[in-house]
Amino acid sequence: MNDSADNSAQNQALSPKLDFKTKLAYGAGDLGPAVTANISIFFLLVFFTNVAGIPAGLAGSVLLIGKIWDAINDPFVGLLTDKTKSRRWGRRLPWMLYGAIPFSIFFFLQWIVPQFSSDRSANIWALFWYYVVIGLISQVFYTVVNLPYTAMTPELTQDYDERTSLNSFRFTFSIGGSILSLILAQIVFSHIADRQQQYFILAIICAVISVVSLYWCIFGVRDRILAFEAKRIQLEESPSISFFEQLKIVFTNRPFLFVIGIYLFSWLAVQITASIIPYFATDCMHLTEADVPTVMIAVQGTALIMLFVWSNLSTKIGKKVVYFLGMSLWIIAASGLFFLQPGQLVLMYVMAVMAGVGVSTAYLVPWSMIPDVIELDELQTGQRREGIFYGFMVLLQKFGLAFGLFLVGNALQSAGFKEAVAGQSTLPVQPESALTAIRFAVGPIPTVCLICGLVLTYFYPITREMHAEILLKLKERQANKEN
């Protein structure tokens, strides 16, 4: 590394506050994963059933297998990033640097429909295994770029309120990426009639965006990360702890278990709703496929605006109160969606806006809690293990999500949902039993998840005062080591 980079890193180390440029670059790192993940959440199940012609139960199984594998590899990648040593890039950035391009390639490969056999039944099973294999590889590279990114938050700043601010930048890009992906989908769907071509072109655009945004983040936060690494390496490190001992410590950290639960229930509600909304809009509300992104934009646009409102409010009234306010509105909206009828479009958009208010707190609050938990662990053990904490948080969240999507897919199939035939120009009319299953997935099920998340948030133990005490004790320990 050259002298100018060294000097820049040292200057960053002397400044306790993050500058706007660094916050912006960090936020950009979530743009690519958000664009690709959002397209997958909203459209991959629909793509499997309505474009590739895979039955809903099998389509749900593809998502289940991919998410379980994704969850399994998370803690191992997290542990490896904790142990990575690079003077030029630090612990996290090498993974993002070398994983960005493969990540975009395998994301794209999920959105093509190969023809393996002229026999429809044989072709469906061939497609099933194709999407399983590509999905497994794609999830590996998603973890390789996204988990190190999320683990950087406590390395960029140790300030309690600035972490909320930093996460507001992150989720501005995350929600902005979601909105961008929906706008792109609406443009592509409106101008291209063929369904296979729609998703082919959309996947190419999203893959390019993901690479550009990840490299923006890598080079934008590099100096700050290297400054943190230089300071961390200077301190005397405690003896390493085995992987299984780390598991024991992670799962005996009581606040961490609360955060896992809050995040699990929040995002289970988010992603089950997101995956079922396209079916709800077209089959229950009788909208066209081109109208579907507009409904989602109403949710995500509101979430983006409210992100800044909640970020400012959290410094005044606390994270827990913010979470309660946002989720309460979302619960009202989710409950109301179950009773909506075709033609009640204004009411549908009102509920979408109300849901967006709550969705923003699901983005902001749980991720702002994790760094506090990591510092409590550091106080108790003498080690910083951001990677394993983030890895296991995402692992359990993905297990729950995978199971939820599997249930949704199989519930639709059990209710008589009719998948499209590949290449078919019109969608089949769904029976009443399938419409009822869709309504339950869009309303009552997310409502139950959100209520469970509220209960856990109420009992979450780390307050602003407790966190300040943790940091004070860590500084005293550091001062004693230096002396």
Protein backbone atom coordinates (compact mmCIF):
# COMPACT_ATOMS: atom_id res chain seq x y z
CA MET A 1 0.00 0.00 0.00
CA ASN A 2 1.40 3.45 -0.89
CA ASP A 3 2.20 6.30 1.53
CA SER A 4 -0.84 8.37 0.61
CA ALA A 5 -3.13 5.46 1.44
CA ASP A 6 -1.31 4.99 4.78
CA ASN A 7 -1.66 8.67 5.65
CA SER A 8 -5.32 8.65 4.69
CA ALA A 9 -5.93 5.62 6.87
CA GLN A 10 -4.16 7.27 9.81
CA ASN A 11 -6.24 10.42 9.39
CA GLN A 12 -9.39 8.33 9.42
CA ALA A 13 -8.24 6.72 12.67
CA LEU A 14 -7.89 10.13 14.32
CA SER A 15 -11.46 11.10 13.39
CA PRO A 16 -14.08 9.43 15.60
CA LYS A 17 -16.93 10.51 13.34
CA LEU A 18 -17.61 9.09 9.90
CA ASP A 19 -17.60 11.56 7.03
CA PHE A 20 -20.44 11.71 4.51
CA LYS A 21 -18.33 10.16 1.73
CA THR A 22 -17.58 7.05 3.80
CA LYS A 23 -21.18 6.65 4.91
CA LEU A 24 -22.32 6.98 1.31
CA ALA A 25 -19.83 4.37 0.10
CA TYR A 26 -20.82 1.98 2.88
CA GLY A 27 -24.49 2.40 2.03
CA ALA A 28 -23.77 1.69 -1.64
CA GLY A 29 -22.53 -1.76 -0.69
CA ASP A 30 -26.09 -2.86 0.00
CA LEU A 31 -27.46 -1.57 -3.32
CA GLY A 32 -26.42 -4.55 -5.45
CA PRO A 33 -27.45 -7.26 -2.99
CA ALA A 34 -30.71 -5.37 -2.37
CA VAL A 35 -31.55 -5.12 -6.09
CA THR A 36 -30.85 -8.82 -6.70
CA ALA A 37 -32.44 -10.03 -3.46
CA ASN A 38 -35.54 -7.90 -3.99
CA ILE A 39 -36.08 -9.23 -7.50
CA SER A 40 -35.70 -12.76 -6.13
CA ILE A 41 -38.04 -12.17 -3.17
CA PHE A 42 -40.81 -10.63 -5.25
CA PHE A 43 -40.51 -12.56 -8.49
CA LEU A 44 -38.54 -15.81 -8.20
CA LEU A 45 -41.48 -17.90 -6.97
CA VAL A 46 -43.67 -16.27 -9.64
CA PHE A 47 -40.96 -16.91 -12.26
CA PHE A 48 -40.81 -20.60 -11.35
CA THR A 49 -44.60 -21.11 -11.46
CA ASN A 50 -45.70 -18.67 -14.20
CA VAL A 51 -42.69 -18.69 -16.57
CA ALA A 52 -40.73 -21.92 -16.07
CA GLY A 53 -43.98 -23.83 -15.41
CA ILE A 54 -42.82 -25.57 -12.22
CA PRO A 55 -45.59 -26.60 -9.76
CA ALA A 56 -45.82 -24.34 -6.69
CA GLY A 57 -44.76 -27.12 -4.29
CA LEU A 58 -41.59 -27.88 -6.26
CA ALA A 59 -40.88 -24.16 -6.65
CA GLY A 60 -41.13 -23.74 -2.88
CA SER A 61 -38.74 -26.67 -2.46
CA VAL A 62 -36.16 -25.00 -4.70
CA LEU A 63 -36.28 -21.93 -2.46
CA LEU A 64 -36.17 -24.07 0.68
CA ILE A 65 -33.03 -25.96 -0.41
CA GLY A 66 -31.28 -22.77 -1.49
CA LYS A 67 -32.07 -20.89 1.71
CA ILE A 68 -31.08 -23.77 3.99
CA TRP A 69 -27.74 -24.09 2.20
CA ASP A 70 -27.34 -20.31 2.36
CA ALA A 71 -27.97 -20.43 6.10
CA ILE A 72 -25.49 -23.30 6.64
CA ASN A 73 -22.60 -21.55 4.90
CA ASP A 74 -23.16 -18.20 6.66
CA PRO A 75 -21.40 -18.94 10.00
CA PHE A 76 -18.48 -20.62 8.25
CA VAL A 77 -17.90 -17.63 5.98
CA GLY A 78 -18.32 -15.36 9.00
CA LEU A 79 -15.69 -17.30 10.94
CA LEU A 80 -13.31 -17.28 7.96
CA THR A 81 -13.66 -13.51 7.54
CA ASP A 82 -12.80 -13.07 11.23
CA LYS A 83 -9.59 -15.02 10.61
CA THR A 84 -8.69 -13.38 7.26
CA LYS A 85 -5.49 -11.31 7.29
CA SER A 86 -4.65 -8.84 4.53
CA ARG A 87 -2.56 -5.69 4.99
CA ARG A 88 -3.92 -4.31 1.75
CA TRP A 89 -7.63 -5.01 2.25
CA GLY A 90 -8.26 -5.98 5.88
CA ARG A 91 -10.46 -8.89 6.97
CA ARG A 92 -13.74 -8.28 5.11
CA LEU A 93 -12.95 -6.51 1.84
CA PRO A 94 -11.05 -9.34 0.04
CA TRP A 95 -14.19 -11.48 0.12
CA MET A 96 -16.26 -8.74 -1.49
CA LEU A 97 -13.53 -7.88 -4.01
CA TYR A 98 -13.18 -11.40 -5.43
CA GLY A 99 -16.79 -12.50 -4.97
CA ALA A 100 -18.61 -9.63 -6.72
CA ILE A 101 -18.36 -10.85 -10.33
CA PRO A 102 -19.18 -14.57 -9.68
CA PHE A 103 -22.11 -13.40 -7.56
CA SER A 104 -23.59 -11.42 -10.46
CA ILE A 105 -23.04 -14.24 -12.99
CA PHE A 106 -24.82 -16.93 -10.97
CA PHE A 107 -27.64 -14.55 -10.05
CA PHE A 108 -28.26 -14.08 -13.79
CA LEU A 109 -28.24 -17.83 -14.49
CA GLN A 110 -31.27 -18.29 -12.21
CA TRP A 111 -33.46 -16.34 -14.65
CA ILE A 112 -33.18 -18.41 -17.81
CA VAL A 113 -35.39 -21.37 -18.79
CA PRO A 114 -33.29 -24.11 -20.47
CA GLN A 115 -35.14 -26.72 -22.51
CA PHE A 116 -33.87 -30.14 -21.39
CA SER A 117 -36.59 -32.42 -22.80
CA SER A 118 -39.61 -32.34 -25.09
CA ASP A 119 -41.51 -34.34 -22.45
CA ARG A 120 -43.11 -31.81 -20.09
CA SER A 121 -42.83 -33.93 -16.95
CA ALA A 122 -39.17 -34.80 -17.56
CA ASN A 123 -38.37 -31.19 -18.39
CA ILE A 124 -39.96 -29.97 -15.14
CA TRP A 125 -37.73 -32.24 -13.06
CA ALA A 126 -34.65 -31.26 -15.10
CA LEU A 127 -35.50 -27.60 -14.52
CA PHE A 128 -36.00 -28.30 -10.82
CA TRP A 129 -32.48 -29.69 -10.44
CA TYR A 130 -30.99 -26.97 -12.63
CA TYR A 131 -32.46 -24.25 -10.40
CA VAL A 132 -31.41 -26.13 -7.27
CA VAL A 133 -27.75 -26.34 -8.39
CA ILE A 134 -27.56 -22.77 -9.70
CA GLY A 135 -29.37 -21.57 -6.57
CA LEU A 136 -26.86 -23.29 -4.27
CA ILE A 137 -23.88 -21.72 -6.04
CA SER A 138 -25.59 -18.33 -6.21
CA GLN A 139 -26.30 -18.40 -2.47
CA VAL A 140 -22.64 -19.15 -1.71
CA PHE A 141 -21.48 -16.04 -3.55
CA TYR A 142 -24.29 -13.96 -2.02
CA THR A 143 -22.91 -14.90 1.40
CA VAL A 144 -19.33 -14.22 0.27
CA VAL A 145 -20.15 -10.59 -0.61
CA ASN A 146 -22.97 -9.77 1.78
CA LEU A 147 -21.94 -11.24 5.13
CA PRO A 148 -18.53 -9.48 5.26
CA TYR A 149 -20.34 -6.29 4.28
CA THR A 150 -22.81 -6.49 7.15
CA ALA A 151 -20.01 -7.38 9.61
CA MET A 152 -18.21 -4.10 8.85
CA THR A 153 -20.69 -1.91 10.76
CA PRO A 154 -19.02 -2.15 14.20
CA GLU A 155 -15.60 -1.71 12.55
CA LEU A 156 -16.59 1.61 10.99
CA THR A 157 -17.90 3.24 14.19
CA GLN A 158 -18.39 2.40 17.87
CA ASP A 159 -20.77 5.27 18.59
CA TYR A 160 -24.26 4.06 19.66
CA ASP A 161 -26.25 6.70 17.75
CA GLU A 162 -23.87 6.95 14.79
CA ARG A 163 -24.44 3.27 14.11
CA THR A 164 -28.12 4.02 13.68
CA SER A 165 -27.14 6.84 11.30
CA LEU A 166 -24.75 4.53 9.41
CA ASN A 167 -27.46 1.90 9.10
CA SER A 168 -29.85 4.56 7.80
CA PHE A 169 -27.40 5.13 4.91
CA ARG A 170 -27.14 1.41 4.37
CA PHE A 171 -30.87 0.89 4.28
CA THR A 172 -31.42 4.01 2.20
CA PHE A 173 -29.50 2.20 -0.52
CA SER A 174 -31.14 -1.09 0.40
CA ILE A 175 -34.68 0.24 0.13
CA GLY A 176 -33.65 2.49 -2.74
CA GLY A 177 -32.29 -0.59 -4.50
CA SER A 178 -35.59 -2.35 -3.89
CA ILE A 179 -37.47 0.58 -5.41
CA LEU A 180 -35.02 0.78 -8.32
CA SER A 181 -35.47 -2.94 -9.02
CA LEU A 182 -39.26 -2.49 -9.06
CA ILE A 183 -39.06 0.53 -11.36
CA LEU A 184 -36.80 -1.44 -13.70
CA ALA A 185 -39.24 -4.36 -13.54
CA GLN A 186 -42.16 -2.09 -14.38
CA ILE A 187 -40.30 -0.57 -17.35
CA VAL A 188 -39.20 -3.97 -18.67
CA PHE A 189 -42.61 -5.59 -18.14
CA SER A 190 -44.36 -2.67 -19.89
CA HIS A 191 -42.14 -2.73 -22.98
CA ILE A 192 -41.54 -6.47 -23.47
CA ALA A 193 -44.41 -8.90 -23.89
CA ASP A 194 -42.55 -12.21 -23.71
CA ARG A 195 -42.23 -13.31 -20.05
CA GLN A 196 -38.95 -15.17 -20.50
CA GLN A 197 -37.35 -12.16 -22.19
CA GLN A 198 -38.66 -9.87 -19.44
CA TYR A 199 -36.78 -11.70 -16.70
CA PHE A 200 -33.71 -12.32 -18.90
CA ILE A 201 -33.20 -8.59 -19.53
CA LEU A 202 -34.10 -7.60 -15.96
CA ALA A 203 -31.52 -10.07 -14.60
CA ILE A 204 -28.74 -8.68 -16.81
CA ILE A 205 -29.40 -5.10 -15.66
CA CYS A 206 -29.50 -6.08 -11.98
CA ALA A 207 -26.29 -8.14 -12.28
CA VAL A 208 -24.38 -5.13 -13.67
CA ILE A 209 -25.70 -2.83 -10.93
CA SER A 210 -24.61 -5.31 -8.25
CA VAL A 211 -20.98 -5.36 -9.41
CA VAL A 212 -20.66 -1.58 -9.72
CA SER A 213 -22.17 -0.88 -6.29
CA LEU A 214 -20.02 -3.47 -4.50
CA TYR A 215 -16.79 -2.01 -5.92
CA TRP A 216 -17.93 1.50 -4.97
CA CYS A 217 -18.27 0.29 -1.37
CA ILE A 218 -14.95 -1.59 -1.34
CA PHE A 219 -12.85 1.37 -2.44
CA GLY A 220 -14.92 3.94 -0.53
CA VAL A 221 -14.57 2.40 2.96
CA ARG A 222 -11.10 0.91 2.52
CA ASP A 223 -9.21 3.64 4.39
CA ARG A 224 -11.53 3.56 7.39
CA ILE A 225 -11.42 -0.24 7.57
CA LEU A 226 -7.62 -0.30 7.35
CA ALA A 227 -7.43 2.29 10.15
CA PHE A 228 -9.55 0.05 12.35
CA GLU A 229 -7.45 -2.99 11.43
CA ALA A 230 -4.19 -1.18 12.27
CA LYS A 231 -5.57 -0.26 15.69
CA ARG A 232 -6.96 -3.75 16.31
CA ILE A 233 -3.68 -5.49 15.41
CA GLN A 234 -1.71 -3.22 17.78
CA LEU A 235 -3.75 -4.46 20.74
CA GLU A 236 -2.78 -7.69 22.42
CA GLU A 237 -5.18 -10.36 21.28
CA SER A 238 -6.67 -12.94 23.63
CA PRO A 239 -6.08 -16.66 22.94
CA SER A 240 -8.27 -17.97 20.14
CA ILE A 241 -11.42 -19.89 21.01
CA SER A 242 -12.50 -23.02 19.14
CA PHE A 243 -15.49 -22.91 16.82
CA PHE A 244 -17.69 -24.99 19.13
CA GLU A 245 -16.76 -22.84 22.13
CA GLN A 246 -17.72 -19.80 20.09
CA LEU A 247 -21.09 -21.42 19.36
CA LYS A 248 -21.64 -21.84 23.07
CA ILE A 249 -20.78 -18.19 23.75
CA VAL A 250 -23.00 -16.94 20.92
CA PHE A 251 -26.04 -18.84 22.10
CA THR A 252 -25.55 -17.99 25.76
CA ASN A 253 -25.51 -14.27 24.92
CA ARG A 254 -29.06 -13.41 26.03
CA PRO A 255 -29.44 -10.07 24.15
CA PHE A 256 -28.25 -11.78 20.96
CA LEU A 257 -31.04 -14.35 21.22
CA PHE A 258 -33.56 -11.51 21.47
CA VAL A 259 -32.14 -9.80 18.36
CA ILE A 260 -32.25 -13.07 16.42
CA GLY A 261 -35.91 -13.49 17.30
CA ILE A 262 -36.82 -9.89 16.48
CA TYR A 263 -35.07 -10.10 13.11
CA LEU A 264 -36.50 -13.54 12.33
CA PHE A 265 -40.11 -12.54 12.90
CA SER A 266 -39.74 -9.13 11.22
CA TRP A 267 -38.20 -10.51 8.06
CA LEU A 268 -40.38 -13.55 7.93
CA ALA A 269 -43.29 -11.11 7.72
CA VAL A 270 -41.47 -8.97 5.12
CA GLN A 271 -40.45 -11.77 2.82
CA ILE A 272 -43.59 -13.92 3.01
CA THR A 273 -45.61 -10.81 2.18
CA ALA A 274 -43.22 -9.88 -0.63
CA SER A 275 -43.35 -13.34 -2.23
CA ILE A 276 -47.16 -13.51 -2.14
CA ILE A 277 -47.95 -9.91 -3.20
CA PRO A 278 -47.66 -10.63 -6.96
CA TYR A 279 -50.23 -13.43 -6.62
CA PHE A 280 -52.46 -11.26 -4.41
CA ALA A 281 -52.38 -8.35 -6.86
CA THR A 282 -53.10 -10.39 -9.99
CA ASP A 283 -55.35 -13.18 -8.68
CA CYS A 284 -57.23 -11.49 -5.81
CA MET A 285 -57.27 -7.80 -6.87
CA HIS A 286 -57.40 -8.52 -10.66
CA LEU A 287 -54.49 -6.19 -11.53
CA THR A 288 -52.22 -6.79 -14.51
CA GLU A 289 -48.67 -8.07 -14.09
CA ALA A 290 -47.35 -4.65 -15.14
CA ASP A 291 -49.23 -3.09 -12.19
CA VAL A 292 -47.57 -5.32 -9.59
CA PRO A 293 -44.34 -3.26 -9.22
CA THR A 294 -46.43 -0.13 -8.53
CA VAL A 295 -47.96 -1.73 -5.45
CA MET A 296 -44.54 -2.72 -4.17
CA ILE A 297 -43.10 0.74 -4.88
CA ALA A 298 -45.79 2.24 -2.63
CA VAL A 299 -44.49 0.06 0.23
CA GLN A 300 -40.78 0.53 -0.43
CA GLY A 301 -41.05 4.23 -1.24
CA THR A 302 -42.76 4.90 2.08
CA ALA A 303 -40.15 2.76 3.85
CA LEU A 304 -37.35 4.82 2.27
CA ILE A 305 -38.86 8.14 3.38
CA MET A 306 -39.62 6.89 6.89
CA LEU A 307 -36.10 5.52 7.32
CA PHE A 308 -34.77 9.03 7.97
CA VAL A 309 -37.70 9.89 10.22
CA TRP A 310 -37.18 6.79 12.36
CA SER A 311 -33.39 7.28 12.43
CA ASN A 312 -33.80 10.77 13.90
CA LEU A 313 -36.54 9.70 16.30
CA SER A 314 -34.50 6.78 17.62
CA THR A 315 -31.90 9.19 19.04
CA LYS A 316 -34.66 10.90 21.03
CA ILE A 317 -37.08 8.16 22.06
CA GLY A 318 -35.00 4.99 21.60
CA LYS A 319 -34.95 2.03 19.22
CA LYS A 320 -37.58 0.00 21.05
CA VAL A 321 -40.23 2.75 20.94
CA VAL A 322 -39.54 3.36 17.23
CA TYR A 323 -39.98 -0.35 16.54
CA PHE A 324 -43.30 -0.45 18.42
CA LEU A 325 -44.70 2.57 16.53
CA GLY A 326 -43.77 1.25 13.10
CA MET A 327 -44.89 -2.32 13.66
CA SER A 328 -48.25 -1.26 15.09
CA LEU A 329 -49.17 0.44 11.81
CA TRP A 330 -47.93 -2.52 9.80
CA ILE A 331 -50.07 -4.93 11.85
CA ILE A 332 -53.17 -2.85 11.10
CA ALA A 333 -52.31 -2.85 7.38
CA ALA A 334 -51.54 -6.58 7.22
CA SER A 335 -54.79 -7.41 8.98
CA GLY A 336 -56.75 -5.23 6.57
CA LEU A 337 -55.27 -6.78 3.42
CA PHE A 338 -57.06 -10.05 4.17
CA PHE A 339 -60.47 -8.37 3.67
CA LEU A 340 -59.67 -6.27 0.57
CA GLN A 341 -61.86 -6.89 -2.49
CA PRO A 342 -61.32 -6.19 -6.22
CA GLY A 343 -61.95 -2.52 -6.98
CA GLN A 344 -60.79 -1.22 -3.57
CA LEU A 345 -57.58 0.10 -5.06
CA VAL A 346 -57.37 3.34 -3.05
CA LEU A 347 -57.69 1.41 0.20
CA MET A 348 -55.08 -1.06 -1.02
CA TYR A 349 -52.55 1.73 -1.59
CA VAL A 350 -53.35 3.30 1.81
CA MET A 351 -52.54 -0.05 3.44
CA ALA A 352 -49.40 -0.34 1.33
CA VAL A 353 -48.19 3.02 2.66
CA MET A 354 -49.01 2.01 6.25
CA ALA A 355 -47.08 -1.23 5.78
CA GLY A 356 -44.13 0.74 4.39
CA VAL A 357 -43.95 2.75 7.62
CA GLY A 358 -43.44 -0.49 9.53
CA VAL A 359 -41.13 -2.12 6.99
CA SER A 360 -38.59 0.68 7.49
CA THR A 361 -38.25 -0.21 11.19
CA ALA A 362 -37.75 -3.88 10.25
CA TYR A 363 -34.76 -2.73 8.18
CA LEU A 364 -33.33 -0.27 10.70
CA VAL A 365 -33.80 -1.48 14.27
CA PRO A 366 -32.55 -5.12 14.41
CA TRP A 367 -29.34 -4.32 12.51
CA SER A 368 -28.69 -1.35 14.84
CA MET A 369 -28.89 -3.72 17.83
CA ILE A 370 -26.32 -6.28 16.66
CA PRO A 371 -23.16 -4.13 17.13
CA ASP A 372 -24.23 -3.48 20.74
CA VAL A 373 -24.46 -7.23 21.31
CA ILE A 374 -20.99 -7.74 19.79
CA GLU A 375 -19.45 -5.25 22.22
CA LEU A 376 -21.13 -6.94 25.17
CA ASP A 377 -19.52 -10.19 24.00
CA GLU A 378 -16.14 -8.43 23.68
CA LEU A 379 -16.46 -7.19 27.25
CA GLN A 380 -17.23 -10.71 28.45
CA THR A 381 -14.67 -12.64 26.37
CA GLY A 382 -11.97 -10.16 25.33
CA GLN A 383 -12.43 -10.93 21.60
CA ARG A 384 -14.23 -9.24 18.72
CA ARG A 385 -16.07 -11.80 16.59
CA GLU A 386 -18.33 -9.75 14.33
CA GLY A 387 -18.32 -12.39 11.60
CA ILE A 388 -19.65 -15.27 13.67
CA PHE A 389 -22.40 -13.14 15.28
CA TYR A 390 -23.60 -11.80 11.94
CA GLY A 391 -23.27 -15.26 10.43
CA PHE A 392 -25.44 -16.98 13.02
CA MET A 393 -27.98 -14.17 13.04
CA VAL A 394 -28.47 -14.58 9.30
CA LEU A 395 -28.31 -18.40 9.58
CA LEU A 396 -31.31 -18.66 11.88
CA GLN A 397 -33.19 -15.98 9.99
CA LYS A 398 -32.70 -17.88 6.75
CA PHE A 399 -33.76 -21.20 8.25
CA GLY A 400 -37.02 -19.58 9.34
CA LEU A 401 -37.45 -17.84 6.01
CA ALA A 402 -36.76 -21.01 4.04
CA PHE A 403 -39.32 -22.92 6.04
CA GLY A 404 -41.86 -20.11 5.61
CA LEU A 405 -41.44 -19.97 1.81
CA PHE A 406 -41.58 -23.75 1.61
CA LEU A 407 -44.88 -23.70 3.49
CA VAL A 408 -46.27 -20.93 1.26
CA GLY A 409 -45.40 -22.85 -1.92
CA ASN A 410 -46.81 -26.12 -0.65
CA ALA A 411 -49.88 -24.45 0.85
CA LEU A 412 -50.66 -22.94 -2.55
CA GLN A 413 -50.24 -26.30 -4.26
CA SER A 414 -52.40 -28.04 -1.62
CA ALA A 415 -55.05 -25.37 -2.12
CA GLY A 416 -55.22 -26.18 -5.82
CA PHE A 417 -53.02 -23.41 -7.24
CA LYS A 418 -52.58 -23.83 -11.01
CA GLU A 419 -49.12 -23.16 -12.43
CA ALA A 420 -48.71 -21.82 -15.95
CA VAL A 421 -47.37 -23.87 -18.85
CA ALA A 422 -43.94 -22.62 -19.97
CA GLY A 423 -44.42 -20.28 -22.94
CA GLN A 424 -48.12 -19.83 -22.24
CA SER A 425 -49.30 -16.25 -22.95
CA THR A 426 -52.16 -16.12 -20.41
CA LEU A 427 -52.24 -17.10 -16.74
CA PRO A 428 -54.71 -19.75 -15.53
CA VAL A 429 -57.74 -18.75 -13.42
CA GLN A 430 -57.21 -19.81 -9.80
CA PRO A 431 -59.87 -21.71 -7.79
CA GLU A 432 -61.45 -20.14 -4.68
CA SER A 433 -59.40 -22.37 -2.38
CA ALA A 434 -56.14 -21.00 -3.84
CA LEU A 435 -57.39 -17.40 -3.49
CA THR A 436 -58.16 -18.01 0.21
CA ALA A 437 -54.66 -19.42 0.76
CA ILE A 438 -53.16 -16.32 -0.88
CA ARG A 439 -55.21 -14.05 1.41
CA PHE A 440 -54.03 -15.91 4.52
CA ALA A 441 -50.41 -15.59 3.38
CA VAL A 442 -50.72 -11.84 2.80
CA GLY A 443 -52.62 -10.98 6.02
CA PRO A 444 -52.97 -13.20 9.12
CA ILE A 445 -49.62 -15.02 8.87
CA PRO A 446 -47.47 -11.82 8.74
CA THR A 447 -49.63 -10.33 11.52
CA VAL A 448 -48.79 -13.21 13.88
CA CYS A 449 -45.07 -12.86 13.06
CA LEU A 450 -45.10 -9.12 13.77
CA ILE A 451 -46.83 -9.56 17.13
CA CYS A 452 -44.18 -12.12 18.16
CA GLY A 453 -41.46 -9.63 17.19
CA LEU A 454 -43.08 -6.92 19.34
CA VAL A 455 -43.11 -9.19 22.40
CA LEU A 456 -39.38 -9.90 22.03
CA THR A 457 -38.57 -6.21 21.48
CA TYR A 458 -40.35 -5.30 24.71
CA PHE A 459 -38.00 -7.57 26.71
CA TYR A 460 -34.76 -6.68 24.81
CA PRO A 461 -32.29 -5.80 27.61
CA ILE A 462 -29.63 -3.45 26.12
CA THR A 463 -30.55 0.24 26.56
CA ARG A 464 -28.56 3.33 25.57
CA GLU A 465 -27.36 3.64 29.18
CA MET A 466 -26.24 0.01 29.35
CA HIS A 467 -24.37 0.37 26.04
CA ALA A 468 -22.55 3.48 27.30
CA GLU A 469 -21.42 1.50 30.35
CA ILE A 470 -20.16 -1.33 28.12
CA LEU A 471 -18.09 1.08 26.01
CA LEU A 472 -16.67 2.74 29.14
CA LYS A 473 -15.48 -0.60 30.50
CA LEU A 474 -13.96 -1.54 27.12
CA LYS A 475 -12.03 1.75 27.01
CA GLU A 476 -10.76 1.18 30.56
CA ARG A 477 -9.57 -2.31 29.56
CA GLN A 478 -7.84 -0.92 26.44
CA ALA A 479 -6.13 1.79 28.50
CA ASN A 480 -4.85 -0.81 30.95
CA LYS A 481 -3.42 -2.89 28.10
CA GLU A 482 -1.66 0.12 26.57
CA ASN A 483 -0.14 1.03 29.93
